[in-house]
């Protein structure tokens, strides 16, 4: 299982709607709107890195109101 944090910037005033929409995507563990340089932080999981990438590109980035994403895979050192 691969997990990652997805840091999301949104259009002004869209953070709550984006977090709510992303929270419905299969594989999303948690989606919360936050303050700071990013508007929404998501924790997601998938079986493989490739599946995680497909989720981000095909599902997360398609949510209306998103302007930029940054995916940070979790590593266990």
C-alpha atoms as a PDB file:
ATOM      1  CA  UNK A   1       0.000   0.000   0.000  1.00  0.00           C
ATOM      2  CA  UNK A   2       1.308   3.444  -0.974  1.00  0.00           C
ATOM      3  CA  UNK A   3       0.129   6.576   0.825  1.00  0.00           C
ATOM      4  CA  UNK A   4       0.674  10.231  -0.033  1.00  0.00           C
ATOM      5  CA  UNK A   5      -0.270  13.722   0.979  1.00  0.00           C
ATOM      6  CA  UNK A   6      -1.665  15.821  -1.851  1.00  0.00           C
ATOM      7  CA  UNK A   7      -1.257  19.561  -1.312  1.00  0.00           C
ATOM      8  CA  UNK A   8      -3.796  21.549  -3.296  1.00  0.00           C
ATOM      9  CA  UNK A   9      -4.185  25.174  -4.270  1.00  0.00           C
ATOM     10  CA  UNK A  10      -7.670  26.276  -5.277  1.00  0.00           C
ATOM     11  CA  UNK A  11      -9.453  29.231  -6.755  1.00  0.00           C
ATOM     12  CA  UNK A  12     -10.418  31.827  -4.163  1.00  0.00           C
ATOM     13  CA  UNK A  13     -13.382  30.683  -2.079  1.00  0.00           C
ATOM     14  CA  UNK A  14     -13.395  27.113  -3.442  1.00  0.00           C
ATOM     15  CA  UNK A  15     -11.416  25.247  -0.730  1.00  0.00           C
ATOM     16  CA  UNK A  16     -14.411  23.800   1.117  1.00  0.00           C
ATOM     17  CA  UNK A  17     -16.132  22.604  -2.053  1.00  0.00           C
ATOM     18  CA  UNK A  18     -12.889  21.071  -3.349  1.00  0.00           C
ATOM     19  CA  UNK A  19     -12.224  19.261  -0.040  1.00  0.00           C
ATOM     20  CA  UNK A  20     -15.780  17.936   0.037  1.00  0.00           C
ATOM     21  CA  UNK A  21     -15.625  16.685  -3.557  1.00  0.00           C
ATOM     22  CA  UNK A  22     -12.230  15.042  -3.133  1.00  0.00           C
ATOM     23  CA  UNK A  23     -13.374  13.364   0.075  1.00  0.00           C
ATOM     24  CA  UNK A  24     -15.771  11.277  -2.045  1.00  0.00           C
ATOM     25  CA  UNK A  25     -13.019   9.825  -4.260  1.00  0.00           C
ATOM     26  CA  UNK A  26     -12.135   6.180  -3.642  1.00  0.00           C
ATOM     27  CA  UNK A  27      -8.719   5.941  -1.998  1.00  0.00           C
ATOM     28  CA  UNK A  28      -8.960   9.285  -0.227  1.00  0.00           C
ATOM     29  CA  UNK A  29      -8.504   8.797   3.510  1.00  0.00           C
ATOM     30  CA  UNK A  30      -8.961  12.417   4.537  1.00  0.00           C
ATOM     31  CA  UNK A  31      -9.457  15.793   2.830  1.00  0.00           C
ATOM     32  CA  UNK A  32      -9.388  19.020   4.819  1.00  0.00           C
ATOM     33  CA  UNK A  33      -9.313  22.683   3.969  1.00  0.00           C
ATOM     34  CA  UNK A  34      -6.440  24.500   5.666  1.00  0.00           C
ATOM     35  CA  UNK A  35      -4.788  27.907   5.798  1.00  0.00           C
ATOM     36  CA  UNK A  36      -1.371  28.799   4.448  1.00  0.00           C
ATOM     37  CA  UNK A  37       0.190  28.396   1.002  1.00  0.00           C
ATOM     38  CA  UNK A  38      -2.124  25.453   0.252  1.00  0.00           C
ATOM     39  CA  UNK A  39      -5.896  25.439   0.579  1.00  0.00           C
ATOM     40  CA  UNK A  40      -6.630  21.711   0.895  1.00  0.00           C
ATOM     41  CA  UNK A  41      -4.514  18.829   2.166  1.00  0.00           C
ATOM     42  CA  UNK A  42      -5.508  15.293   1.235  1.00  0.00           C
ATOM     43  CA  UNK A  43      -4.214  11.961   2.508  1.00  0.00           C
ATOM     44  CA  UNK A  44      -4.725   9.211  -0.050  1.00  0.00           C
ATOM     45  CA  UNK A  45      -3.722   5.605  -0.562  1.00  0.00           C
ATOM     46  CA  UNK A  46      -3.487   3.145  -3.430  1.00  0.00           C
ATOM     47  CA  UNK A  47      -2.039  -0.303  -4.055  1.00  0.00           C
ATOM     48  CA  UNK A  48       0.850   0.986  -6.199  1.00  0.00           C
ATOM     49  CA  UNK A  49       2.581   4.245  -7.095  1.00  0.00           C
ATOM     50  CA  UNK A  50       1.117   3.965 -10.585  1.00  0.00           C
ATOM     51  CA  UNK A  51      -2.428   3.642  -9.210  1.00  0.00           C
ATOM     52  CA  UNK A  52      -1.812   6.631  -6.948  1.00  0.00           C
ATOM     53  CA  UNK A  53      -0.626   8.665  -9.926  1.00  0.00           C
ATOM     54  CA  UNK A  54      -3.682   7.692 -11.949  1.00  0.00           C
ATOM     55  CA  UNK A  55      -5.939   8.700  -9.058  1.00  0.00           C
ATOM     56  CA  UNK A  56      -4.317  12.116  -8.825  1.00  0.00           C
ATOM     57  CA  UNK A  57      -4.367  12.832 -12.556  1.00  0.00           C
ATOM     58  CA  UNK A  58      -7.680  11.213 -13.522  1.00  0.00           C
ATOM     59  CA  UNK A  59      -9.764  12.021 -10.456  1.00  0.00           C
ATOM     60  CA  UNK A  60      -8.287  14.592  -8.074  1.00  0.00           C
ATOM     61  CA  UNK A  61      -7.021  17.065 -10.675  1.00  0.00           C
ATOM     62  CA  UNK A  62     -10.365  16.930 -12.472  1.00  0.00           C
ATOM     63  CA  UNK A  63     -12.215  18.465  -9.502  1.00  0.00           C
ATOM     64  CA  UNK A  64     -13.468  21.923 -10.422  1.00  0.00           C
ATOM     65  CA  UNK A  65     -11.727  24.773  -8.609  1.00  0.00           C
ATOM     66  CA  UNK A  66      -8.240  23.246  -8.349  1.00  0.00           C
ATOM     67  CA  UNK A  67      -5.396  25.327  -9.756  1.00  0.00           C
ATOM     68  CA  UNK A  68      -2.335  23.259  -8.675  1.00  0.00           C
ATOM     69  CA  UNK A  69      -1.449  20.028  -6.870  1.00  0.00           C
ATOM     70  CA  UNK A  70       1.721  18.689  -5.287  1.00  0.00           C
ATOM     71  CA  UNK A  71       1.857  14.992  -4.389  1.00  0.00           C
ATOM     72  CA  UNK A  72       4.149  13.951  -1.524  1.00  0.00           C
ATOM     73  CA  UNK A  73       4.470  10.164  -1.132  1.00  0.00           C
ATOM     74  CA  UNK A  74       4.897   8.884   2.435  1.00  0.00           C
ATOM     75  CA  UNK A  75       8.197   7.077   3.037  1.00  0.00           C
ATOM     76  CA  UNK A  76       9.212   4.933   5.976  1.00  0.00           C
ATOM     77  CA  UNK A  77      12.894   5.517   6.751  1.00  0.00           C
END
